[in-house]
PDB file of N, CA and C in Angstrom:
ATOM      1  N   MET A   1      33.953  53.875  55.515  1.00  0.00           N
ATOM      2  CA  MET A   1      32.932  53.501  54.586  1.00  0.00           C
ATOM      3  C   MET A   1      33.202  54.233  53.271  1.00  0.00           C
ATOM      4  N   VAL A   2      33.172  53.479  52.194  1.00  0.00           N
ATOM      5  CA  VAL A   2      33.444  54.046  50.880  1.00  0.00           C
ATOM      6  C   VAL A   2      32.149  54.395  50.147  1.00  0.00           C
ATOM      7  N   CYS A   3      31.141  53.546  50.285  1.00  0.00           N
ATOM      8  CA  CYS A   3      29.900  53.747  49.550  1.00  0.00           C
ATOM      9  C   CYS A   3      28.708  53.375  50.421  1.00  0.00           C
ATOM     10  N   PHE A   4      27.599  54.060  50.199  1.00  0.00           N
ATOM     11  CA  PHE A   4      26.396  53.848  50.987  1.00  0.00           C
ATOM     12  C   PHE A   4      25.178  53.932  50.088  1.00  0.00           C
ATOM     13  N   ALA A   5      24.178  53.099  50.355  1.00  0.00           N
ATOM     14  CA  ALA A   5      22.872  53.177  49.689  1.00  0.00           C
ATOM     15  C   ALA A   5      21.829  52.712  50.689  1.00  0.00           C
ATOM     16  N   ALA A   6      20.661  53.309  50.650  1.00  0.00           N
ATOM     17  CA  ALA A   6      19.607  52.973  51.607  1.00  0.00           C
ATOM     18  C   ALA A   6      18.291  52.723  50.885  1.00  0.00           C
ATOM     19  N   ALA A   7      17.441  51.967  51.547  1.00  0.00           N
ATOM     20  CA  ALA A   7      16.071  51.740  51.083  1.00  0.00           C
ATOM     21  C   ALA A   7      15.139  52.091  52.239  1.00  0.00           C
ATOM     22  N   PRO A   8      14.910  53.393  52.450  1.00  0.00           N
ATOM     23  CA  PRO A   8      14.114  53.798  53.609  1.00  0.00           C
ATOM     24  C   PRO A   8      12.630  53.516  53.479  1.00  0.00           C
ATOM     25  N   TYR A   9      12.176  53.200  52.287  1.00  0.00           N
ATOM     26  CA  TYR A   9      10.749  52.934  52.071  1.00  0.00           C
ATOM     27  C   TYR A   9      10.578  51.544  51.479  1.00  0.00           C
ATOM     28  N   ILE A  10       9.965  50.649  52.234  1.00  0.00           N
ATOM     29  CA  ILE A  10       9.692  49.290  51.769  1.00  0.00           C
ATOM     30  C   ILE A  10       8.232  48.982  52.081  1.00  0.00           C
ATOM     31  N   LEU A  11       7.482  48.615  51.059  1.00  0.00           N
ATOM     32  CA  LEU A  11       6.078  48.258  51.231  1.00  0.00           C
ATOM     33  C   LEU A  11       5.895  46.821  50.769  1.00  0.00           C
ATOM     34  N   THR A  12       5.372  45.981  51.645  1.00  0.00           N
ATOM     35  CA  THR A  12       5.250  44.552  51.323  1.00  0.00           C
ATOM     36  C   THR A  12       3.821  44.042  51.443  1.00  0.00           C
ATOM     37  N   HIS A  13       2.855  44.922  51.262  1.00  0.00           N
ATOM     38  CA  HIS A  13       1.460  44.516  51.372  1.00  0.00           C
ATOM     39  C   HIS A  13       0.864  44.303  49.984  1.00  0.00           C
ATOM     40  N   PRO A  14       0.460  43.062  49.668  1.00  0.00           N
ATOM     41  CA  PRO A  14      -0.138  42.803  48.351  1.00  0.00           C
ATOM     42  C   PRO A  14      -1.377  43.665  48.154  1.00  0.00           C
ATOM     43  N   PRO A  15      -1.644  44.119  46.957  1.00  0.00           N
ATOM     44  CA  PRO A  15      -0.963  43.755  45.713  1.00  0.00           C
ATOM     45  C   PRO A  15       0.274  44.597  45.432  1.00  0.00           C
ATOM     46  N   PHE A  16       0.625  45.493  46.344  1.00  0.00           N
ATOM     47  CA  PHE A  16       1.794  46.340  46.147  1.00  0.00           C
ATOM     48  C   PHE A  16       2.960  45.805  46.963  1.00  0.00           C
ATOM     49  N   SER A  17       4.089  45.686  46.324  1.00  0.00           N
ATOM     50  CA  SER A  17       5.306  45.327  47.046  1.00  0.00           C
ATOM     51  C   SER A  17       6.472  45.978  46.317  1.00  0.00           C
ATOM     52  N   PHE A  18       7.021  46.977  46.958  1.00  0.00           N
ATOM     53  CA  PHE A  18       8.121  47.691  46.328  1.00  0.00           C
ATOM     54  C   PHE A  18       8.994  48.357  47.385  1.00  0.00           C
ATOM     55  N   ALA A  19      10.160  48.785  46.935  1.00  0.00           N
ATOM     56  CA  ALA A  19      11.075  49.564  47.772  1.00  0.00           C
ATOM     57  C   ALA A  19      11.539  50.761  46.967  1.00  0.00           C
ATOM     58  N   ILE A  20      11.974  51.779  47.666  1.00  0.00           N
ATOM     59  CA  ILE A  20      12.560  52.946  47.025  1.00  0.00           C
ATOM     60  C   ILE A  20      13.982  53.097  47.546  1.00  0.00           C
ATOM     61  N   VAL A  21      14.925  53.110  46.631  1.00  0.00           N
ATOM     62  CA  VAL A  21      16.344  53.267  46.979  1.00  0.00           C
ATOM     63  C   VAL A  21      16.689  54.749  46.891  1.00  0.00           C
ATOM     64  N   ARG A  22      17.384  55.235  47.910  1.00  0.00           N
ATOM     65  CA  ARG A  22      17.796  56.640  47.968  1.00  0.00           C
ATOM     66  C   ARG A  22      19.161  56.752  48.617  1.00  0.00           C
ATOM     67  N   GLY A  23      19.707  57.933  48.541  1.00  0.00           N
ATOM     68  CA  GLY A  23      20.905  58.259  49.295  1.00  0.00           C
ATOM     69  C   GLY A  23      22.155  57.519  48.873  1.00  0.00           C
ATOM     70  N   VAL A  24      22.272  57.175  47.605  1.00  0.00           N
ATOM     71  CA  VAL A  24      23.482  56.493  47.144  1.00  0.00           C
ATOM     72  C   VAL A  24      24.615  57.512  47.123  1.00  0.00           C
ATOM     73  N   GLU A  25      25.670  57.195  47.824  1.00  0.00           N
ATOM     74  CA  GLU A  25      26.793  58.125  47.940  1.00  0.00           C
ATOM     75  C   GLU A  25      28.095  57.352  47.988  1.00  0.00           C
ATOM     76  N   THR A  26      29.052  57.800  47.196  1.00  0.00           N
ATOM     77  CA  THR A  26      30.394  57.217  47.187  1.00  0.00           C
ATOM     78  C   THR A  26      31.392  58.330  47.482  1.00  0.00           C
ATOM     79  N   LYS A  27      32.404  58.043  48.298  1.00  0.00           N
ATOM     80  CA  LYS A  27      33.450  59.037  48.568  1.00  0.00           C
ATOM     81  C   LYS A  27      33.997  59.548  47.236  1.00  0.00           C
ATOM     82  N   PHE A  28      34.252  60.839  47.195  1.00  0.00           N
ATOM     83  CA  PHE A  28      34.642  61.494  45.953  1.00  0.00           C
ATOM     84  C   PHE A  28      35.838  60.819  45.261  1.00  0.00           C
ATOM     85  N   LEU A  29      36.881  60.521  46.001  1.00  0.00           N
ATOM     86  CA  LEU A  29      38.089  59.946  45.401  1.00  0.00           C
ATOM     87  C   LEU A  29      37.945  58.467  45.045  1.00  0.00           C
ATOM     88  N   LYS A  30      36.833  57.854  45.408  1.00  0.00           N
ATOM     89  CA  LYS A  30      36.601  56.439  45.116  1.00  0.00           C
ATOM     90  C   LYS A  30      35.557  56.233  44.016  1.00  0.00           C
ATOM     91  N   ARG A  31      35.052  57.323  43.457  1.00  0.00           N
ATOM     92  CA  ARG A  31      34.027  57.215  42.425  1.00  0.00           C
ATOM     93  C   ARG A  31      34.590  56.615  41.149  1.00  0.00           C
ATOM     94  N   ARG A  32      33.685  56.010  40.361  1.00  0.00           N
ATOM     95  CA  ARG A  32      33.998  55.386  39.067  1.00  0.00           C
ATOM     96  C   ARG A  32      34.927  54.185  39.217  1.00  0.00           C
ATOM     97  N   GLN A  33      34.835  53.512  40.359  1.00  0.00           N
ATOM     98  CA  GLN A  33      35.628  52.308  40.596  1.00  0.00           C
ATOM     99  C   GLN A  33      34.733  51.093  40.855  1.00  0.00           C
ATOM    100  N   GLY A  34      33.436  51.232  40.670  1.00  0.00           N
ATOM    101  CA  GLY A  34      32.525  50.103  40.815  1.00  0.00           C
ATOM    102  C   GLY A  34      31.878  49.947  42.176  1.00  0.00           C
ATOM    103  N   TYR A  35      32.203  50.826  43.115  1.00  0.00           N
ATOM    104  CA  TYR A  35      31.639  50.686  44.457  1.00  0.00           C
ATOM    105  C   TYR A  35      30.117  50.879  44.453  1.00  0.00           C
ATOM    106  N   ALA A  36      29.634  51.910  43.797  1.00  0.00           N
ATOM    107  CA  ALA A  36      28.188  52.156  43.762  1.00  0.00           C
ATOM    108  C   ALA A  36      27.479  51.050  42.993  1.00  0.00           C
ATOM    109  N   LEU A  37      28.062  50.604  41.909  1.00  0.00           N
ATOM    110  CA  LEU A  37      27.481  49.507  41.130  1.00  0.00           C
ATOM    111  C   LEU A  37      27.296  48.271  42.004  1.00  0.00           C
ATOM    112  N   ASN A  38      28.329  47.914  42.734  1.00  0.00           N
ATOM    113  CA  ASN A  38      28.261  46.738  43.610  1.00  0.00           C
ATOM    114  C   ASN A  38      27.329  46.955  44.797  1.00  0.00           C
ATOM    115  N   THR A  39      27.377  48.132  45.383  1.00  0.00           N
ATOM    116  CA  THR A  39      26.552  48.410  46.561  1.00  0.00           C
ATOM    117  C   THR A  39      25.065  48.409  46.212  1.00  0.00           C
ATOM    118  N   VAL A  40      24.691  49.135  45.183  1.00  0.00           N
ATOM    119  CA  VAL A  40      23.283  49.200  44.797  1.00  0.00           C
ATOM    120  C   VAL A  40      22.819  47.851  44.256  1.00  0.00           C
ATOM    121  N   GLY A  41      23.667  47.183  43.499  1.00  0.00           N
ATOM    122  CA  GLY A  41      23.321  45.847  42.996  1.00  0.00           C
ATOM    123  C   GLY A  41      23.071  44.865  44.135  1.00  0.00           C
ATOM    124  N   PHE A  42      23.939  44.875  45.120  1.00  0.00           N
ATOM    125  CA  PHE A  42      23.769  43.998  46.286  1.00  0.00           C
ATOM    126  C   PHE A  42      22.496  44.345  47.050  1.00  0.00           C
ATOM    127  N   LEU A  43      22.265  45.641  47.276  1.00  0.00           N
ATOM    128  CA  LEU A  43      21.064  46.062  47.990  1.00  0.00           C
ATOM    129  C   LEU A  43      19.812  45.593  47.259  1.00  0.00           C
ATOM    130  N   CYS A  44      19.768  45.754  45.959  1.00  0.00           N
ATOM    131  CA  CYS A  44      18.596  45.326  45.186  1.00  0.00           C
ATOM    132  C   CYS A  44      18.382  43.818  45.277  1.00  0.00           C
ATOM    133  N   LYS A  45      19.437  43.042  45.167  1.00  0.00           N
ATOM    134  CA  LYS A  45      19.309  41.583  45.296  1.00  0.00           C
ATOM    135  C   LYS A  45      18.769  41.202  46.672  1.00  0.00           C
ATOM    136  N   GLU A  46      19.269  41.857  47.708  1.00  0.00           N
ATOM    137  CA  GLU A  46      18.791  41.586  49.066  1.00  0.00           C
ATOM    138  C   GLU A  46      17.321  41.957  49.229  1.00  0.00           C
ATOM    139  N   LEU A  47      16.942  43.101  48.697  1.00  0.00           N
ATOM    140  CA  LEU A  47      15.551  43.532  48.806  1.00  0.00           C
ATOM    141  C   LEU A  47      14.614  42.569  48.089  1.00  0.00           C
ATOM    142  N   PHE A  48      14.982  42.178  46.873  1.00  0.00           N
ATOM    143  CA  PHE A  48      14.141  41.243  46.125  1.00  0.00           C
ATOM    144  C   PHE A  48      14.017  39.903  46.843  1.00  0.00           C
ATOM    145  N   SER A  49      15.124  39.378  47.341  1.00  0.00           N
ATOM    146  CA  SER A  49      15.077  38.052  47.966  1.00  0.00           C
ATOM    147  C   SER A  49      14.455  38.081  49.363  1.00  0.00           C
ATOM    148  N   ARG A  50      14.768  39.083  50.150  1.00  0.00           N
ATOM    149  CA  ARG A  50      14.272  39.129  51.520  1.00  0.00           C
ATOM    150  C   ARG A  50      12.784  39.462  51.594  1.00  0.00           C
ATOM    151  N   TYR A  51      12.321  40.370  50.732  1.00  0.00           N
ATOM    152  CA  TYR A  51      10.946  40.852  50.834  1.00  0.00           C
ATOM    153  C   TYR A  51      10.041  40.394  49.682  1.00  0.00           C
ATOM    154  N   GLN A  52      10.586  39.632  48.735  1.00  0.00           N
ATOM    155  CA  GLN A  52       9.830  39.170  47.563  1.00  0.00           C
ATOM    156  C   GLN A  52       9.117  40.343  46.875  1.00  0.00           C
ATOM    157  N   LEU A  53       9.855  41.389  46.617  1.00  0.00           N
ATOM    158  CA  LEU A  53       9.305  42.591  46.006  1.00  0.00           C
ATOM    159  C   LEU A  53       9.030  42.396  44.527  1.00  0.00           C
ATOM    160  N   LYS A  54       8.074  43.155  44.031  1.00  0.00           N
ATOM    161  CA  LYS A  54       7.790  43.143  42.593  1.00  0.00           C
ATOM    162  C   LYS A  54       8.597  44.227  41.875  1.00  0.00           C
ATOM    163  N   ASN A  55       8.861  45.330  42.574  1.00  0.00           N
ATOM    164  CA  ASN A  55       9.570  46.453  41.963  1.00  0.00           C
ATOM    165  C   ASN A  55      10.487  47.136  42.968  1.00  0.00           C
ATOM    166  N   ILE A  56      11.534  47.738  42.425  1.00  0.00           N
ATOM    167  CA  ILE A  56      12.378  48.636  43.199  1.00  0.00           C
ATOM    168  C   ILE A  56      12.482  49.919  42.379  1.00  0.00           C
ATOM    169  N   PHE A  57      12.190  51.020  43.032  1.00  0.00           N
ATOM    170  CA  PHE A  57      12.287  52.325  42.397  1.00  0.00           C
ATOM    171  C   PHE A  57      13.436  53.086  43.027  1.00  0.00           C
ATOM    172  N   LEU A  58      13.916  54.085  42.330  1.00  0.00           N
ATOM    173  CA  LEU A  58      14.922  54.950  42.933  1.00  0.00           C
ATOM    174  C   LEU A  58      14.682  56.376  42.502  1.00  0.00           C
ATOM    175  N   TRP A  59      15.203  57.270  43.291  1.00  0.00           N
ATOM    176  CA  TRP A  59      15.100  58.690  43.012  1.00  0.00           C
ATOM    177  C   TRP A  59      16.470  59.183  42.593  1.00  0.00           C
ATOM    178  N   VAL A  60      16.504  59.892  41.491  1.00  0.00           N
ATOM    179  CA  VAL A  60      17.762  60.475  41.025  1.00  0.00           C
ATOM    180  C   VAL A  60      17.454  61.855  40.461  1.00  0.00           C
ATOM    181  N   GLU A  61      18.336  62.790  40.715  1.00  0.00           N
ATOM    182  CA  GLU A  61      18.133  64.143  40.210  1.00  0.00           C
ATOM    183  C   GLU A  61      18.270  64.155  38.694  1.00  0.00           C
ATOM    184  N   GLU A  62      17.445  64.968  38.080  1.00  0.00           N
ATOM    185  CA  GLU A  62      17.359  65.008  36.619  1.00  0.00           C
ATOM    186  C   GLU A  62      18.713  65.241  35.946  1.00  0.00           C
ATOM    187  N   GLY A  63      19.519  66.127  36.492  1.00  0.00           N
ATOM    188  CA  GLY A  63      20.790  66.459  35.868  1.00  0.00           C
ATOM    189  C   GLY A  63      21.944  65.541  36.220  1.00  0.00           C
ATOM    190  N   ASN A  64      21.727  64.531  37.031  1.00  0.00           N
ATOM    191  CA  ASN A  64      22.808  63.658  37.481  1.00  0.00           C
ATOM    192  C   ASN A  64      23.002  62.514  36.484  1.00  0.00           C
ATOM    193  N   GLN A  65      23.643  62.826  35.366  1.00  0.00           N
ATOM    194  CA  GLN A  65      23.806  61.851  34.287  1.00  0.00           C
ATOM    195  C   GLN A  65      24.695  60.680  34.696  1.00  0.00           C
ATOM    196  N   ALA A  66      25.693  60.915  35.525  1.00  0.00           N
ATOM    197  CA  ALA A  66      26.562  59.821  35.973  1.00  0.00           C
ATOM    198  C   ALA A  66      25.748  58.777  36.739  1.00  0.00           C
ATOM    199  N   ALA A  67      24.881  59.243  37.628  1.00  0.00           N
ATOM    200  CA  ALA A  67      24.042  58.315  38.396  1.00  0.00           C
ATOM    201  C   ALA A  67      23.051  57.600  37.487  1.00  0.00           C
ATOM    202  N   ARG A  68      22.463  58.324  36.562  1.00  0.00           N
ATOM    203  CA  ARG A  68      21.492  57.707  35.647  1.00  0.00           C
ATOM    204  C   ARG A  68      22.145  56.599  34.829  1.00  0.00           C
ATOM    205  N   SER A  69      23.352  56.850  34.376  1.00  0.00           N
ATOM    206  CA  SER A  69      24.096  55.845  33.608  1.00  0.00           C
ATOM    207  C   SER A  69      24.396  54.617  34.476  1.00  0.00           C
ATOM    208  N   LEU A  70      24.803  54.853  35.708  1.00  0.00           N
ATOM    209  CA  LEU A  70      25.082  53.761  36.645  1.00  0.00           C
ATOM    210  C   LEU A  70      23.841  52.900  36.850  1.00  0.00           C
ATOM    211  N   TYR A  71      22.705  53.538  37.097  1.00  0.00           N
ATOM    212  CA  TYR A  71      21.481  52.789  37.371  1.00  0.00           C
ATOM    213  C   TYR A  71      21.024  51.990  36.152  1.00  0.00           C
ATOM    214  N   GLN A  72      21.265  52.507  34.961  1.00  0.00           N
ATOM    215  CA  GLN A  72      20.942  51.744  33.757  1.00  0.00           C
ATOM    216  C   GLN A  72      21.814  50.494  33.662  1.00  0.00           C
ATOM    217  N   LYS A  73      23.077  50.595  34.053  1.00  0.00           N
ATOM    218  CA  LYS A  73      23.968  49.423  34.050  1.00  0.00           C
ATOM    219  C   LYS A  73      23.465  48.346  35.001  1.00  0.00           C
ATOM    220  N   ILE A  74      22.876  48.762  36.117  1.00  0.00           N
ATOM    221  CA  ILE A  74      22.362  47.810  37.097  1.00  0.00           C
ATOM    222  C   ILE A  74      21.092  47.130  36.589  1.00  0.00           C
ATOM    223  N   GLY A  75      20.355  47.830  35.710  1.00  0.00           N
ATOM    224  CA  GLY A  75      19.137  47.243  35.170  1.00  0.00           C
ATOM    225  C   GLY A  75      17.899  48.096  35.335  1.00  0.00           C
ATOM    226  N   PHE A  76      18.057  49.276  35.935  1.00  0.00           N
ATOM    227  CA  PHE A  76      16.925  50.185  36.067  1.00  0.00           C
ATOM    228  C   PHE A  76      16.621  50.816  34.720  1.00  0.00           C
ATOM    229  N   SER A  77      15.357  51.095  34.493  1.00  0.00           N
ATOM    230  CA  SER A  77      14.964  51.833  33.304  1.00  0.00           C
ATOM    231  C   SER A  77      14.153  53.047  33.734  1.00  0.00           C
ATOM    232  N   GLU A  78      14.245  54.089  32.937  1.00  0.00           N
ATOM    233  CA  GLU A  78      13.533  55.316  33.277  1.00  0.00           C
ATOM    234  C   GLU A  78      12.087  55.179  32.818  1.00  0.00           C
ATOM    235  N   GLU A  79      11.190  55.260  33.784  1.00  0.00           N
ATOM    236  CA  GLU A  79       9.774  55.051  33.483  1.00  0.00           C
ATOM    237  C   GLU A  79       8.966  56.328  33.609  1.00  0.00           C
ATOM    238  N   VAL A  80       9.176  57.043  34.685  1.00  0.00           N
ATOM    239  CA  VAL A  80       8.397  58.263  34.906  1.00  0.00           C
ATOM    240  C   VAL A  80       9.281  59.345  35.482  1.00  0.00           C
ATOM    241  N   GLU A  81       8.859  60.546  35.262  1.00  0.00           N
ATOM    242  CA  GLU A  81       9.524  61.694  35.866  1.00  0.00           C
ATOM    243  C   GLU A  81       8.555  62.290  36.871  1.00  0.00           C
ATOM    244  N   ILE A  82       9.034  62.499  38.066  1.00  0.00           N
ATOM    245  CA  ILE A  82       8.195  63.023  39.136  1.00  0.00           C
ATOM    246  C   ILE A  82       8.685  64.416  39.510  1.00  0.00           C
ATOM    247  N   SER A  83       7.774  65.326  39.582  1.00  0.00           N
ATOM    248  CA  SER A  83       8.103  66.670  40.051  1.00  0.00           C
ATOM    249  C   SER A  83       7.664  66.783  41.497  1.00  0.00           C
ATOM    250  N   LEU A  84       8.508  67.329  42.309  1.00  0.00           N
ATOM    251  CA  LEU A  84       8.194  67.506  43.721  1.00  0.00           C
ATOM    252  C   LEU A  84       7.900  68.967  44.021  1.00  0.00           C
ATOM    253  N   THR A  85       6.914  69.182  44.831  1.00  0.00           N
ATOM    254  CA  THR A  85       6.587  70.512  45.298  1.00  0.00           C
ATOM    255  C   THR A  85       6.646  70.493  46.814  1.00  0.00           C
ATOM    256  N   TYR A  86       7.290  71.462  47.384  1.00  0.00           N
ATOM    257  CA  TYR A  86       7.430  71.523  48.831  1.00  0.00           C
ATOM    258  C   TYR A  86       6.479  72.563  49.401  1.00  0.00           C
ATOM    259  N   CYS A  87       5.965  72.271  50.547  1.00  0.00           N
ATOM    260  CA  CYS A  87       5.047  73.175  51.224  1.00  0.00           C
ATOM    261  C   CYS A  87       5.549  73.385  52.653  1.00  0.00           C
ATOM    262  N   ASP A  88       5.730  74.624  53.017  1.00  0.00           N
ATOM    263  CA  ASP A  88       6.166  74.944  54.374  1.00  0.00           C
ATOM    264  C   ASP A  88       4.951  75.191  55.247  1.00  0.00           C
ATOM    265  N   LEU A  89       4.982  74.677  56.444  1.00  0.00           N
ATOM    266  CA  LEU A  89       3.918  74.902  57.409  1.00  0.00           C
ATOM    267  C   LEU A  89       4.108  76.289  58.012  1.00  0.00           C
ATOM    268  N   LYS A  90       3.098  77.105  57.853  1.00  0.00           N
ATOM    269  CA  LYS A  90       3.189  78.468  58.394  1.00  0.00           C
ATOM    270  C   LYS A  90       2.703  78.467  59.833  1.00  0.00           C
ATOM    271  N   GLU A  91       3.475  79.079  60.682  1.00  0.00           N
ATOM    272  CA  GLU A  91       3.068  79.222  62.072  1.00  0.00           C
ATOM    273  C   GLU A  91       2.272  80.494  62.225  1.00  0.00           C
ATOM    274  N   GLU A  92       1.199  80.408  62.960  1.00  0.00           N
ATOM    275  CA  GLU A  92       0.334  81.573  63.140  1.00  0.00           C
ATOM    276  C   GLU A  92       0.393  82.063  64.563  1.00  0.00           C
TER     277      GLU A  92
END
């Protein structure tokens, strides 16, 4: 496998219908050859057609400019920035 992308979150209940794409990964020596562009593009087309989604969102790290540029080529636009906070469950 050269490239992988997943949509682990798909919601199809009106009025909300969206998916979140995550985990896009291309083998290091195969990067910048169009694999991620084709893989994510294909996944998005499948999600839109199969589930009649209104939106597809993706998560990308703030400093990952290569990924951000790729997603803009596919047609994604940057709309919001989300900050995540993690909470550990303390055992008592």
